[in-house]
Amino acid sequence: MPFVALGGLLVIVCVLGYAYGAAQLGDRVAVLAVTRPVAAGQAITAADLKQVSAARDPEVRLVPAAQAAEVVGRTAVVPLVAGTLLTPELLGDAAFPPNGQVTASVAVKPGQYPQGLAAGARVAVYVSATARDGGQPAPAATSAQTGPAQFSAVVLGVDLAGDGQGSTVITLLLKAADGPQLAAAPSGGVVLMQTAPGGS
């Protein structure tokens, strides 16, 4: 009889242990993770986010999946790699672009931008007043009045799929005062030259 009682007690202990373990494994929450790399200072879009299941940990403040709409538009404080679980500390203000700056996209063909250009790179932007036939920028004039305008910008994104006509679409962050010059550039009238590598 003592052995039977002991065996019954062991069965009860095992069942309780299994139940406790299952409860612990089941204590998970839906949180937000990054689907692809996001550069520091870059605005987070809905396409950058995904919902994942993570174990609940009171010492780690993860961003609930229900707050996805509040995260979109916020900026990354540090570079984020795909799969990163978001915490409030990784998110900056939603004020993007910063005051006094604007974002703009430009379609450029091979030869008008450096190969391997990536988000985070700093570039010098040259804008010609006119463009040659075939979309190539006109040669720089010797006169300061007729020469191409030049200003600096930061690359926010490079879309190699482009506009469907052989051009790559590059999104830039630039001073608001330089925006009108870029917007008025003729087709083929913009040339980008990298001045610092991405992430610097």
N, C-alpha and C. Protein backbone atom coordinates (compact mmCIF):
# COMPACT_ATOMS: atom_id res chain seq x y z
N MET A 1 0.82 -1.23 0.00
CA MET A 1 0.00 0.00 0.00
C MET A 1 0.84 1.27 0.00
N PRO A 2 1.94 1.33 0.80
CA PRO A 2 2.75 2.56 0.76
C PRO A 2 3.28 2.84 -0.64
N PHE A 3 3.68 1.75 -1.36
CA PHE A 3 4.23 1.95 -2.71
C PHE A 3 3.15 2.44 -3.67
N VAL A 4 1.96 1.94 -3.48
CA VAL A 4 0.85 2.39 -4.34
C VAL A 4 0.57 3.86 -4.10
N ALA A 5 0.57 4.25 -2.82
CA ALA A 5 0.32 5.65 -2.48
C ALA A 5 1.42 6.55 -3.04
N LEU A 6 2.68 6.09 -2.94
CA LEU A 6 3.80 6.86 -3.46
C LEU A 6 3.71 7.01 -4.97
N GLY A 7 3.32 5.89 -5.63
CA GLY A 7 3.17 5.96 -7.09
C GLY A 7 2.08 6.95 -7.49
N GLY A 8 0.97 6.93 -6.75
CA GLY A 8 -0.11 7.87 -7.04
C GLY A 8 0.33 9.30 -6.85
N LEU A 9 1.14 9.54 -5.80
CA LEU A 9 1.64 10.88 -5.54
C LEU A 9 2.56 11.36 -6.65
N LEU A 10 3.41 10.47 -7.15
CA LEU A 10 4.31 10.83 -8.25
C LEU A 10 3.52 11.20 -9.51
N VAL A 11 2.45 10.44 -9.77
CA VAL A 11 1.62 10.74 -10.94
C VAL A 11 1.02 12.15 -10.81
N ILE A 12 0.53 12.45 -9.60
CA ILE A 12 -0.07 13.77 -9.38
C ILE A 12 0.96 14.89 -9.56
N VAL A 13 2.18 14.66 -9.04
CA VAL A 13 3.25 15.66 -9.18
C VAL A 13 3.61 15.88 -10.65
N CYS A 14 3.70 14.78 -11.41
CA CYS A 14 4.03 14.90 -12.83
C CYS A 14 2.96 15.66 -13.59
N VAL A 15 1.71 15.37 -13.29
CA VAL A 15 0.60 16.05 -13.97
C VAL A 15 0.62 17.54 -13.65
N LEU A 16 0.84 17.87 -12.39
CA LEU A 16 0.89 19.28 -12.00
C LEU A 16 2.07 19.99 -12.65
N GLY A 17 3.22 19.29 -12.72
CA GLY A 17 4.39 19.88 -13.36
C GLY A 17 4.16 20.15 -14.83
N TYR A 18 3.54 19.20 -15.50
CA TYR A 18 3.23 19.37 -16.93
C TYR A 18 2.26 20.53 -17.13
N ALA A 19 1.25 20.61 -16.27
CA ALA A 19 0.26 21.69 -16.38
C ALA A 19 0.91 23.05 -16.18
N TYR A 20 1.84 23.12 -15.20
CA TYR A 20 2.53 24.39 -14.95
C TYR A 20 3.39 24.79 -16.14
N GLY A 21 4.12 23.80 -16.69
CA GLY A 21 4.96 24.10 -17.85
C GLY A 21 4.14 24.54 -19.05
N ALA A 22 3.03 23.89 -19.28
CA ALA A 22 2.17 24.26 -20.40
C ALA A 22 1.62 25.66 -20.22
N ALA A 23 1.28 25.99 -18.98
CA ALA A 23 0.75 27.33 -18.72
C ALA A 23 1.81 28.39 -18.97
N GLN A 24 3.06 28.08 -18.58
CA GLN A 24 4.14 29.02 -18.80
C GLN A 24 4.40 29.22 -20.28
N LEU A 25 4.42 28.14 -21.04
CA LEU A 25 4.65 28.24 -22.48
C LEU A 25 3.49 28.94 -23.17
N GLY A 26 2.29 28.80 -22.61
CA GLY A 26 1.14 29.42 -23.22
C GLY A 26 1.00 30.89 -22.87
N ASP A 27 1.81 31.41 -21.93
CA ASP A 27 1.74 32.81 -21.51
C ASP A 27 2.53 33.66 -22.50
N ARG A 28 1.99 33.81 -23.69
CA ARG A 28 2.67 34.55 -24.74
C ARG A 28 1.78 35.70 -25.19
N VAL A 29 2.41 36.71 -25.77
CA VAL A 29 1.67 37.89 -26.21
C VAL A 29 2.03 38.21 -27.65
N ALA A 30 1.11 38.89 -28.35
CA ALA A 30 1.35 39.32 -29.73
C ALA A 30 2.06 40.67 -29.70
N VAL A 31 3.24 40.72 -30.29
CA VAL A 31 4.05 41.95 -30.29
C VAL A 31 4.49 42.28 -31.71
N LEU A 32 5.14 43.43 -31.86
CA LEU A 32 5.60 43.88 -33.17
C LEU A 32 7.09 43.60 -33.37
N ALA A 33 7.42 43.14 -34.59
CA ALA A 33 8.82 42.91 -34.98
C ALA A 33 9.03 43.57 -36.34
N VAL A 34 10.30 43.76 -36.69
CA VAL A 34 10.66 44.39 -37.96
C VAL A 34 10.82 43.32 -39.04
N THR A 35 10.23 43.56 -40.20
CA THR A 35 10.30 42.57 -41.28
C THR A 35 11.54 42.72 -42.15
N ARG A 36 12.13 43.92 -42.16
CA ARG A 36 13.29 44.18 -43.02
C ARG A 36 14.14 45.26 -42.37
N PRO A 37 15.39 45.44 -42.82
CA PRO A 37 16.24 46.44 -42.18
C PRO A 37 15.65 47.85 -42.28
N VAL A 38 15.79 48.61 -41.20
CA VAL A 38 15.33 50.00 -41.16
C VAL A 38 16.51 50.83 -40.67
N ALA A 39 16.90 51.84 -41.45
CA ALA A 39 18.04 52.67 -41.09
C ALA A 39 17.68 53.62 -39.95
N ALA A 40 18.67 54.02 -39.19
CA ALA A 40 18.45 55.00 -38.12
C ALA A 40 17.93 56.29 -38.72
N GLY A 41 16.89 56.84 -38.13
CA GLY A 41 16.30 58.07 -38.63
C GLY A 41 15.25 57.86 -39.70
N GLN A 42 15.11 56.63 -40.17
CA GLN A 42 14.13 56.34 -41.21
C GLN A 42 12.75 56.13 -40.60
N ALA A 43 11.73 56.65 -41.29
CA ALA A 43 10.35 56.48 -40.80
C ALA A 43 9.92 55.03 -41.01
N ILE A 44 9.24 54.48 -40.03
CA ILE A 44 8.76 53.10 -40.09
C ILE A 44 7.41 53.07 -40.78
N THR A 45 7.27 52.17 -41.75
CA THR A 45 6.02 52.02 -42.49
C THR A 45 5.33 50.72 -42.07
N ALA A 46 4.08 50.59 -42.51
CA ALA A 46 3.33 49.37 -42.18
C ALA A 46 4.01 48.13 -42.76
N ALA A 47 4.66 48.30 -43.93
CA ALA A 47 5.34 47.16 -44.56
C ALA A 47 6.58 46.72 -43.79
N ASP A 48 7.07 47.56 -42.88
CA ASP A 48 8.25 47.21 -42.08
C ASP A 48 7.89 46.38 -40.85
N LEU A 49 6.58 46.22 -40.58
CA LEU A 49 6.16 45.59 -39.34
C LEU A 49 5.47 44.25 -39.56
N LYS A 50 5.59 43.38 -38.58
CA LYS A 50 4.85 42.13 -38.59
C LYS A 50 4.51 41.76 -37.14
N GLN A 51 3.49 40.96 -36.99
CA GLN A 51 3.08 40.50 -35.67
C GLN A 51 3.72 39.15 -35.38
N VAL A 52 4.31 39.03 -34.20
CA VAL A 52 4.90 37.77 -33.78
C VAL A 52 4.45 37.46 -32.36
N SER A 53 4.64 36.21 -31.95
CA SER A 53 4.31 35.79 -30.60
C SER A 53 5.58 35.71 -29.77
N ALA A 54 5.55 36.32 -28.60
CA ALA A 54 6.73 36.31 -27.73
C ALA A 54 6.31 35.99 -26.31
N ALA A 55 7.23 35.39 -25.56
CA ALA A 55 6.95 35.06 -24.15
C ALA A 55 6.82 36.35 -23.35
N ARG A 56 5.85 36.37 -22.46
CA ARG A 56 5.65 37.54 -21.61
C ARG A 56 6.79 37.65 -20.60
N ASP A 57 7.42 38.82 -20.55
CA ASP A 57 8.51 39.05 -19.61
C ASP A 57 8.33 40.45 -19.03
N PRO A 58 8.03 40.55 -17.75
CA PRO A 58 7.78 41.87 -17.15
C PRO A 58 8.98 42.79 -17.19
N GLU A 59 10.18 42.25 -17.41
CA GLU A 59 11.38 43.08 -17.43
C GLU A 59 11.70 43.61 -18.82
N VAL A 60 10.99 43.14 -19.85
CA VAL A 60 11.21 43.59 -21.22
C VAL A 60 9.93 44.24 -21.74
N ARG A 61 10.01 45.52 -22.10
CA ARG A 61 8.83 46.24 -22.57
C ARG A 61 8.73 46.14 -24.09
N LEU A 62 8.02 45.13 -24.56
CA LEU A 62 7.81 44.98 -25.99
C LEU A 62 6.57 45.77 -26.42
N VAL A 63 6.55 46.16 -27.70
CA VAL A 63 5.42 46.95 -28.21
C VAL A 63 4.31 46.00 -28.66
N PRO A 64 3.12 46.09 -28.06
CA PRO A 64 2.02 45.20 -28.44
C PRO A 64 1.62 45.38 -29.90
N ALA A 65 1.18 44.28 -30.53
CA ALA A 65 0.77 44.34 -31.93
C ALA A 65 -0.40 45.28 -32.13
N ALA A 66 -1.21 45.47 -31.10
CA ALA A 66 -2.37 46.36 -31.20
C ALA A 66 -1.97 47.82 -31.39
N GLN A 67 -0.70 48.14 -31.15
CA GLN A 67 -0.24 49.53 -31.29
C GLN A 67 0.45 49.79 -32.62
N ALA A 68 0.23 48.92 -33.60
CA ALA A 68 0.90 49.06 -34.90
C ALA A 68 0.62 50.42 -35.54
N ALA A 69 -0.63 50.88 -35.48
CA ALA A 69 -0.98 52.16 -36.10
C ALA A 69 -0.23 53.32 -35.46
N GLU A 70 0.09 53.20 -34.17
CA GLU A 70 0.83 54.25 -33.49
C GLU A 70 2.32 54.22 -33.82
N VAL A 71 2.81 53.07 -34.23
CA VAL A 71 4.23 52.93 -34.55
C VAL A 71 4.53 53.45 -35.95
N VAL A 72 3.60 53.24 -36.89
CA VAL A 72 3.80 53.70 -38.27
C VAL A 72 4.00 55.22 -38.27
N GLY A 73 5.07 55.66 -38.91
CA GLY A 73 5.41 57.08 -38.95
C GLY A 73 6.46 57.47 -37.95
N ARG A 74 6.67 56.65 -36.92
CA ARG A 74 7.74 56.91 -35.97
C ARG A 74 9.08 56.60 -36.64
N THR A 75 10.16 57.12 -36.10
CA THR A 75 11.47 56.88 -36.69
C THR A 75 12.28 55.90 -35.84
N ALA A 76 13.21 55.22 -36.49
CA ALA A 76 14.09 54.29 -35.78
C ALA A 76 15.23 55.08 -35.14
N VAL A 77 15.43 54.86 -33.85
CA VAL A 77 16.51 55.56 -33.14
C VAL A 77 17.86 54.98 -33.51
N VAL A 78 17.92 53.68 -33.74
CA VAL A 78 19.16 52.99 -34.13
C VAL A 78 18.83 52.12 -35.35
N PRO A 79 19.82 51.67 -36.10
CA PRO A 79 19.54 50.75 -37.21
C PRO A 79 18.88 49.47 -36.70
N LEU A 80 17.82 49.05 -37.37
CA LEU A 80 17.09 47.85 -36.96
C LEU A 80 17.26 46.77 -38.02
N VAL A 81 17.57 45.58 -37.61
CA VAL A 81 17.70 44.46 -38.54
C VAL A 81 16.40 43.68 -38.57
N ALA A 82 16.20 42.93 -39.62
CA ALA A 82 14.98 42.14 -39.75
C ALA A 82 14.86 41.18 -38.58
N GLY A 83 13.66 41.10 -38.01
CA GLY A 83 13.42 40.21 -36.88
C GLY A 83 13.52 40.87 -35.52
N THR A 84 13.99 42.13 -35.48
CA THR A 84 14.11 42.82 -34.20
C THR A 84 12.74 43.02 -33.56
N LEU A 85 12.61 42.64 -32.29
CA LEU A 85 11.39 42.91 -31.54
C LEU A 85 11.42 44.37 -31.09
N LEU A 86 10.35 45.11 -31.37
CA LEU A 86 10.33 46.53 -31.05
C LEU A 86 10.08 46.78 -29.57
N THR A 87 10.82 47.74 -29.03
CA THR A 87 10.59 48.24 -27.68
C THR A 87 10.44 49.76 -27.80
N PRO A 88 9.82 50.41 -26.83
CA PRO A 88 9.65 51.86 -26.91
C PRO A 88 10.97 52.61 -27.06
N GLU A 89 12.05 52.06 -26.52
CA GLU A 89 13.35 52.73 -26.58
C GLU A 89 13.91 52.79 -28.00
N LEU A 90 13.44 51.93 -28.89
CA LEU A 90 13.95 51.89 -30.26
C LEU A 90 13.22 52.87 -31.18
N LEU A 91 12.17 53.51 -30.66
CA LEU A 91 11.33 54.37 -31.49
C LEU A 91 11.54 55.84 -31.15
N GLY A 92 11.73 56.66 -32.20
CA GLY A 92 11.88 58.09 -32.01
C GLY A 92 10.57 58.81 -32.28
N ASP A 93 10.65 60.13 -32.34
CA ASP A 93 9.46 60.94 -32.59
C ASP A 93 8.92 60.70 -33.99
N ALA A 94 7.65 61.02 -34.14
CA ALA A 94 7.00 60.87 -35.45
C ALA A 94 7.28 62.06 -36.35
N ALA A 95 7.97 63.08 -35.84
CA ALA A 95 8.25 64.28 -36.63
C ALA A 95 9.31 63.96 -37.68
N PHE A 96 8.87 63.49 -38.82
CA PHE A 96 9.80 63.18 -39.90
C PHE A 96 9.12 63.54 -41.22
N PRO A 97 9.78 64.25 -42.11
CA PRO A 97 11.17 64.69 -41.97
C PRO A 97 11.35 65.78 -40.91
N PRO A 98 12.58 65.96 -40.45
CA PRO A 98 12.84 66.98 -39.43
C PRO A 98 12.45 68.36 -39.93
N ASN A 99 12.26 69.26 -39.01
CA ASN A 99 11.91 70.63 -39.36
C ASN A 99 12.95 71.23 -40.31
N GLY A 100 12.47 71.83 -41.40
CA GLY A 100 13.37 72.46 -42.36
C GLY A 100 13.87 71.53 -43.44
N GLN A 101 13.42 70.27 -43.43
CA GLN A 101 13.82 69.32 -44.44
C GLN A 101 12.60 68.68 -45.09
N VAL A 102 12.81 68.14 -46.27
CA VAL A 102 11.73 67.47 -47.01
C VAL A 102 12.27 66.18 -47.61
N THR A 103 11.36 65.31 -47.99
CA THR A 103 11.75 64.10 -48.72
C THR A 103 11.28 64.23 -50.16
N ALA A 104 12.04 63.68 -51.07
CA ALA A 104 11.68 63.73 -52.49
C ALA A 104 12.27 62.53 -53.19
N SER A 105 11.57 62.06 -54.21
CA SER A 105 12.05 60.92 -54.99
C SER A 105 12.43 61.38 -56.39
N VAL A 106 13.49 60.79 -56.93
CA VAL A 106 13.96 61.15 -58.26
C VAL A 106 14.27 59.87 -59.03
N ALA A 107 13.91 59.84 -60.30
CA ALA A 107 14.19 58.69 -61.17
C ALA A 107 15.48 58.96 -61.93
N VAL A 108 16.45 58.09 -61.76
CA VAL A 108 17.75 58.25 -62.43
C VAL A 108 18.13 56.96 -63.13
N LYS A 109 18.90 57.10 -64.20
CA LYS A 109 19.34 55.96 -64.98
C LYS A 109 20.79 55.62 -64.64
N PRO A 110 21.25 54.42 -65.01
CA PRO A 110 22.66 54.07 -64.76
C PRO A 110 23.59 55.14 -65.32
N GLY A 111 24.59 55.50 -64.55
CA GLY A 111 25.49 56.56 -64.95
C GLY A 111 25.15 57.88 -64.28
N GLN A 112 23.92 57.98 -63.78
CA GLN A 112 23.50 59.20 -63.09
C GLN A 112 23.58 59.04 -61.58
N TYR A 113 23.92 57.84 -61.11
CA TYR A 113 24.07 57.60 -59.68
C TYR A 113 25.08 56.48 -59.49
N PRO A 114 25.80 56.44 -58.36
CA PRO A 114 26.80 55.40 -58.14
C PRO A 114 26.16 54.04 -57.90
N GLN A 115 26.74 53.01 -58.48
CA GLN A 115 26.25 51.65 -58.24
C GLN A 115 26.48 51.28 -56.78
N GLY A 116 25.56 50.51 -56.22
CA GLY A 116 25.69 50.09 -54.83
C GLY A 116 25.20 51.13 -53.84
N LEU A 117 24.57 52.19 -54.33
CA LEU A 117 24.05 53.23 -53.43
C LEU A 117 23.00 52.61 -52.50
N ALA A 118 23.08 52.96 -51.22
CA ALA A 118 22.17 52.35 -50.24
C ALA A 118 21.64 53.41 -49.29
N ALA A 119 20.58 53.05 -48.58
CA ALA A 119 19.98 53.97 -47.61
C ALA A 119 21.00 54.37 -46.57
N GLY A 120 21.01 55.65 -46.22
CA GLY A 120 21.95 56.17 -45.24
C GLY A 120 23.13 56.88 -45.85
N ALA A 121 23.36 56.67 -47.15
CA ALA A 121 24.51 57.30 -47.81
C ALA A 121 24.25 58.79 -47.99
N ARG A 122 25.30 59.57 -47.91
CA ARG A 122 25.22 61.01 -48.19
C ARG A 122 25.67 61.24 -49.63
N VAL A 123 24.95 62.09 -50.32
CA VAL A 123 25.24 62.34 -51.73
C VAL A 123 25.24 63.83 -52.02
N ALA A 124 25.99 64.19 -53.07
CA ALA A 124 25.91 65.53 -53.65
C ALA A 124 24.95 65.42 -54.83
N VAL A 125 23.98 66.31 -54.89
CA VAL A 125 22.97 66.29 -55.94
C VAL A 125 23.26 67.43 -56.91
N TYR A 126 23.44 67.09 -58.18
CA TYR A 126 23.67 68.09 -59.22
C TYR A 126 22.42 68.15 -60.09
N VAL A 127 21.88 69.34 -60.24
CA VAL A 127 20.66 69.53 -61.02
C VAL A 127 20.96 70.46 -62.18
N SER A 128 20.81 69.95 -63.41
CA SER A 128 21.02 70.75 -64.61
C SER A 128 19.73 71.46 -64.97
N ALA A 129 19.88 72.62 -65.59
CA ALA A 129 18.70 73.36 -66.04
C ALA A 129 18.09 72.71 -67.27
N THR A 130 18.92 72.06 -68.07
CA THR A 130 18.44 71.40 -69.28
C THR A 130 19.02 70.00 -69.35
N ALA A 131 18.45 69.18 -70.23
CA ALA A 131 18.94 67.81 -70.42
C ALA A 131 19.09 67.54 -71.90
N ARG A 132 20.05 66.69 -72.25
CA ARG A 132 20.24 66.30 -73.63
C ARG A 132 19.16 65.35 -74.09
N ASP A 133 19.07 65.13 -75.39
CA ASP A 133 18.16 64.12 -75.92
C ASP A 133 18.59 62.77 -75.38
N GLY A 134 17.65 61.93 -75.07
CA GLY A 134 17.98 60.61 -74.53
C GLY A 134 18.00 60.61 -73.02
N GLY A 135 17.74 61.81 -72.41
CA GLY A 135 17.63 61.84 -70.96
C GLY A 135 18.93 62.03 -70.23
N GLN A 136 20.07 62.15 -70.94
CA GLN A 136 21.34 62.37 -70.27
C GLN A 136 21.50 63.84 -69.92
N PRO A 137 22.07 64.15 -68.76
CA PRO A 137 22.20 65.54 -68.36
C PRO A 137 23.13 66.30 -69.29
N ALA A 138 22.83 67.57 -69.48
CA ALA A 138 23.66 68.40 -70.34
C ALA A 138 25.00 68.66 -69.67
N PRO A 139 26.07 68.89 -70.45
CA PRO A 139 27.38 69.17 -69.85
C PRO A 139 27.31 70.43 -69.00
N ALA A 140 28.07 70.44 -67.92
CA ALA A 140 28.09 71.61 -67.05
C ALA A 140 28.63 72.81 -67.78
N ALA A 141 27.96 73.94 -67.64
CA ALA A 141 28.41 75.16 -68.30
C ALA A 141 29.52 75.79 -67.49
N THR A 142 30.31 76.61 -68.16
CA THR A 142 31.42 77.24 -67.46
C THR A 142 30.96 78.44 -66.65
N SER A 143 29.85 79.02 -67.04
CA SER A 143 29.33 80.19 -66.31
C SER A 143 28.67 79.75 -65.02
N ALA A 144 28.93 80.51 -63.95
CA ALA A 144 28.33 80.19 -62.66
C ALA A 144 26.82 80.34 -62.72
N GLN A 145 26.34 81.28 -63.58
CA GLN A 145 24.91 81.50 -63.66
C GLN A 145 24.18 80.35 -64.35
N THR A 146 24.83 79.70 -65.31
CA THR A 146 24.16 78.66 -66.08
C THR A 146 24.60 77.25 -65.68
N GLY A 147 25.51 77.15 -64.73
CA GLY A 147 26.00 75.84 -64.30
C GLY A 147 24.95 75.11 -63.48
N PRO A 148 25.13 73.82 -63.28
CA PRO A 148 24.14 73.03 -62.52
C PRO A 148 24.13 73.43 -61.05
N ALA A 149 22.94 73.39 -60.46
CA ALA A 149 22.83 73.64 -59.02
C ALA A 149 23.37 72.42 -58.28
N GLN A 150 23.91 72.67 -57.10
CA GLN A 150 24.44 71.56 -56.32
C GLN A 150 24.04 71.72 -54.86
N PHE A 151 23.61 70.62 -54.25
CA PHE A 151 23.29 70.62 -52.83
C PHE A 151 23.47 69.20 -52.29
N SER A 152 23.44 69.04 -50.98
CA SER A 152 23.66 67.73 -50.37
C SER A 152 22.35 67.12 -49.93
N ALA A 153 22.33 65.80 -49.80
CA ALA A 153 21.14 65.06 -49.38
C ALA A 153 21.55 63.74 -48.77
N VAL A 154 20.61 63.09 -48.10
CA VAL A 154 20.82 61.77 -47.53
C VAL A 154 19.86 60.80 -48.20
N VAL A 155 20.34 59.63 -48.59
CA VAL A 155 19.52 58.64 -49.26
C VAL A 155 18.66 57.91 -48.22
N LEU A 156 17.34 57.93 -48.45
CA LEU A 156 16.42 57.21 -47.57
C LEU A 156 16.05 55.84 -48.13
N GLY A 157 16.08 55.69 -49.44
CA GLY A 157 15.71 54.42 -50.05
C GLY A 157 16.11 54.36 -51.50
N VAL A 158 16.38 53.15 -51.98
CA VAL A 158 16.74 52.91 -53.38
C VAL A 158 15.84 51.81 -53.91
N ASP A 159 14.98 52.16 -54.86
CA ASP A 159 14.05 51.21 -55.45
C ASP A 159 14.57 50.81 -56.83
N LEU A 160 15.22 49.65 -56.90
CA LEU A 160 15.82 49.20 -58.15
C LEU A 160 14.75 48.85 -59.18
N ALA A 161 13.55 48.51 -58.72
CA ALA A 161 12.46 48.23 -59.67
C ALA A 161 12.10 49.48 -60.44
N GLY A 162 12.30 50.62 -59.78
CA GLY A 162 12.16 51.90 -60.45
C GLY A 162 10.78 52.23 -60.96
N ASP A 163 10.78 52.99 -62.06
CA ASP A 163 9.52 53.48 -62.62
C ASP A 163 9.00 52.61 -63.76
N GLY A 164 9.63 51.46 -63.99
CA GLY A 164 9.19 50.58 -65.06
C GLY A 164 9.72 50.99 -66.42
N GLN A 165 10.56 52.01 -66.48
CA GLN A 165 11.10 52.49 -67.75
C GLN A 165 12.63 52.50 -67.74
N GLY A 166 13.19 51.64 -66.90
CA GLY A 166 14.65 51.52 -66.87
C GLY A 166 15.33 52.44 -65.88
N SER A 167 14.56 53.21 -65.13
CA SER A 167 15.15 54.14 -64.16
C SER A 167 15.04 53.56 -62.75
N THR A 168 15.99 53.91 -61.90
CA THR A 168 15.94 53.57 -60.49
C THR A 168 15.38 54.77 -59.73
N VAL A 169 14.45 54.52 -58.83
CA VAL A 169 13.86 55.60 -58.05
C VAL A 169 14.57 55.69 -56.70
N ILE A 170 15.14 56.85 -56.43
CA ILE A 170 15.89 57.08 -55.20
C ILE A 170 15.18 58.15 -54.38
N THR A 171 14.91 57.84 -53.12
CA THR A 171 14.24 58.79 -52.23
C THR A 171 15.30 59.49 -51.38
N LEU A 172 15.22 60.81 -51.32
CA LEU A 172 16.23 61.62 -50.66
C LEU A 172 15.62 62.45 -49.54
N LEU A 173 16.45 62.76 -48.54
CA LEU A 173 16.12 63.72 -47.50
C LEU A 173 17.01 64.93 -47.73
N LEU A 174 16.40 66.10 -47.95
CA LEU A 174 17.17 67.29 -48.29
C LEU A 174 16.57 68.52 -47.63
N LYS A 175 17.30 69.62 -47.70
CA LYS A 175 16.80 70.87 -47.13
C LYS A 175 15.56 71.32 -47.89
N ALA A 176 14.62 71.89 -47.17
CA ALA A 176 13.38 72.34 -47.80
C ALA A 176 13.67 73.38 -48.87
N ALA A 177 14.70 74.20 -48.67
CA ALA A 177 15.03 75.24 -49.65
C ALA A 177 15.51 74.66 -50.97
N ASP A 178 16.04 73.41 -50.93
CA ASP A 178 16.55 72.78 -52.16
C ASP A 178 15.47 71.98 -52.88
N GLY A 179 14.34 71.76 -52.21
CA GLY A 179 13.27 70.97 -52.80
C GLY A 179 12.77 71.48 -54.14
N PRO A 180 12.49 72.79 -54.28
CA PRO A 180 11.97 73.31 -55.56
C PRO A 180 12.93 73.08 -56.73
N GLN A 181 14.25 73.16 -56.49
CA GLN A 181 15.20 72.94 -57.57
C GLN A 181 15.13 71.50 -58.07
N LEU A 182 15.02 70.57 -57.13
CA LEU A 182 14.94 69.17 -57.52
C LEU A 182 13.63 68.89 -58.23
N ALA A 183 12.55 69.49 -57.75
CA ALA A 183 11.25 69.26 -58.36
C ALA A 183 11.19 69.81 -59.78
N ALA A 184 11.95 70.88 -60.04
CA ALA A 184 11.93 71.50 -61.36
C ALA A 184 12.93 70.89 -62.33
N ALA A 185 13.69 69.90 -61.88
CA ALA A 185 14.71 69.30 -62.74
C ALA A 185 14.07 68.58 -63.92
N PRO A 186 14.63 68.75 -65.13
CA PRO A 186 14.09 68.03 -66.29
C PRO A 186 14.46 66.55 -66.24
N SER A 187 13.80 65.74 -67.03
CA SER A 187 14.12 64.32 -67.09
C SER A 187 15.58 64.14 -67.49
N GLY A 188 16.32 63.39 -66.72
CA GLY A 188 17.73 63.17 -67.01
C GLY A 188 18.61 64.30 -66.53
N GLY A 189 18.05 65.26 -65.80
CA GLY A 189 18.82 66.42 -65.39
C GLY A 189 19.38 66.34 -63.99
N VAL A 190 19.33 65.16 -63.36
CA VAL A 190 19.84 65.00 -61.99
C VAL A 190 20.95 63.96 -61.97
N VAL A 191 22.05 64.30 -61.32
CA VAL A 191 23.17 63.37 -61.15
C VAL A 191 23.52 63.33 -59.66
N LEU A 192 23.69 62.12 -59.13
CA LEU A 192 24.04 61.94 -57.72
C LEU A 192 25.47 61.43 -57.62
N MET A 193 26.22 61.99 -56.69
CA MET A 193 27.58 61.52 -56.41
C MET A 193 27.70 61.28 -54.92
N GLN A 194 28.11 60.06 -54.57
CA GLN A 194 28.20 59.69 -53.15
C GLN A 194 29.39 60.39 -52.49
N THR A 195 29.13 60.98 -51.32
CA THR A 195 30.17 61.67 -50.59
C THR A 195 30.55 60.98 -49.28
N ALA A 196 29.66 60.10 -48.79
CA ALA A 196 29.94 59.32 -47.57
C ALA A 196 29.14 58.04 -47.64
N PRO A 197 29.69 56.94 -47.11
CA PRO A 197 29.00 55.65 -47.21
C PRO A 197 27.74 55.58 -46.38
N GLY A 198 26.89 54.60 -46.71
CA GLY A 198 25.65 54.40 -45.97
C GLY A 198 25.92 54.07 -44.52
N GLY A 199 25.08 54.61 -43.65
CA GLY A 199 25.19 54.32 -42.24
C GLY A 199 26.19 55.18 -41.52
N SER A 200 26.89 56.07 -42.24
CA SER A 200 27.87 56.92 -41.57
C SER A 200 27.24 58.19 -41.07
